[in-house]
Protein backbone atom coordinates (compact mmCIF):
# COMPACT_ATOMS: atom_id res chain seq x y z
CA UNK A 1 67.64 25.05 -42.19
CA UNK A 2 65.47 26.69 -39.58
CA UNK A 3 64.74 30.36 -39.21
CA UNK A 4 64.50 31.65 -35.69
CA UNK A 5 62.37 34.68 -35.01
CA UNK A 6 63.13 37.04 -32.21
CA UNK A 7 60.39 37.62 -29.72
CA UNK A 8 60.37 40.92 -27.89
CA UNK A 9 60.99 40.70 -24.18
CA UNK A 10 58.68 42.38 -21.78
CA UNK A 11 60.33 45.13 -19.83
CA UNK A 12 60.33 44.17 -16.18
CA UNK A 13 60.79 47.77 -15.04
CA UNK A 14 57.65 49.65 -14.05
CA UNK A 15 56.54 52.28 -16.57
CA UNK A 16 56.81 55.91 -15.56
CA UNK A 17 53.74 57.56 -14.12
CA UNK A 18 51.24 59.14 -16.49
CA UNK A 19 52.19 62.64 -15.39
CA UNK A 20 55.86 62.01 -16.13
CA UNK A 21 55.06 60.67 -19.60
CA UNK A 22 52.81 63.62 -20.38
CA UNK A 23 55.50 66.29 -20.23
CA UNK A 24 58.12 66.79 -22.92
CA UNK A 25 61.06 69.09 -22.32
CA UNK A 26 61.92 71.28 -25.29
CA UNK A 27 65.33 72.39 -26.56
CA UNK A 28 65.32 75.56 -24.47
CA UNK A 29 64.14 73.82 -21.32
CA UNK A 30 60.47 74.68 -21.79
CA UNK A 31 57.97 71.97 -21.01
CA UNK A 32 55.13 70.95 -23.28
CA UNK A 33 52.16 68.81 -22.33
CA UNK A 34 51.26 65.82 -24.47
CA UNK A 35 48.42 63.34 -24.71
CA UNK A 36 45.67 63.35 -22.13
CA UNK A 37 47.43 65.97 -19.99
CA UNK A 38 47.27 68.40 -22.92
CA UNK A 39 43.57 67.68 -23.49
CA UNK A 40 42.83 68.17 -19.79
CA UNK A 41 44.71 71.47 -19.77
CA UNK A 42 42.86 72.68 -22.86
CA UNK A 43 39.51 71.73 -21.31
CA UNK A 44 40.32 73.61 -18.12
CA UNK A 45 41.32 76.71 -20.12
CA UNK A 46 38.11 76.51 -22.17
CA UNK A 47 36.03 76.38 -18.97
CA UNK A 48 37.94 79.36 -17.58
CA UNK A 49 37.36 81.43 -20.74
CA UNK A 50 33.68 80.49 -21.07
CA UNK A 51 32.90 81.00 -17.36
CA UNK A 52 31.44 84.49 -17.84
CA UNK A 53 30.43 86.59 -20.83
CA UNK A 54 33.02 89.19 -19.82
CA UNK A 55 35.89 86.69 -19.88
CA UNK A 56 34.70 85.37 -23.26
CA UNK A 57 34.58 88.90 -24.72
CA UNK A 58 38.03 89.67 -23.28
CA UNK A 59 39.42 86.50 -24.88
CA UNK A 60 37.89 87.29 -28.28
CA UNK A 61 39.22 90.86 -28.09
CA UNK A 62 42.74 89.64 -27.27
CA UNK A 63 42.43 87.11 -30.10
CA UNK A 64 41.61 89.94 -32.49
CA UNK A 65 38.22 88.79 -33.73
CA UNK A 66 36.16 91.29 -31.73
CA UNK A 67 36.53 95.02 -31.18
CA UNK A 68 36.67 96.43 -27.65
CA UNK A 69 33.17 97.77 -28.35
CA UNK A 70 31.83 94.23 -28.87
CA UNK A 71 31.52 94.17 -32.67
CA UNK A 72 32.81 91.18 -34.62
CA UNK A 73 35.66 92.10 -36.99
CA UNK A 74 35.69 91.16 -40.67
CA UNK A 75 38.70 88.84 -40.91
CA UNK A 76 38.62 87.93 -44.60
CA UNK A 77 37.85 90.45 -47.27
CA UNK A 78 36.90 89.28 -50.72
C-alpha cells in the first residue's frame, strides 16, 4: 500500500501589485492600510508632526497630554 502526498501547485497567475495587497476594505466600505503601506503612512505622519515645534505642540495638545499653555498634564494620579 502506498500513500500519495499532495504537492501544492504553483499559481500561474501573477500576484496582485503591492499597493493592491496593502489595502483592506472594511465592512462599511472604509479602507485600511496593511503591512508596509501602513508603516510608510505612519512614518510620513510622524515626519509631518515632528516637522516644527509648533506642529508637535499642537499634536500633543489635541492628544490631551499637554495644555494649550505648553504644560504637560498629569495623566495618572496615584
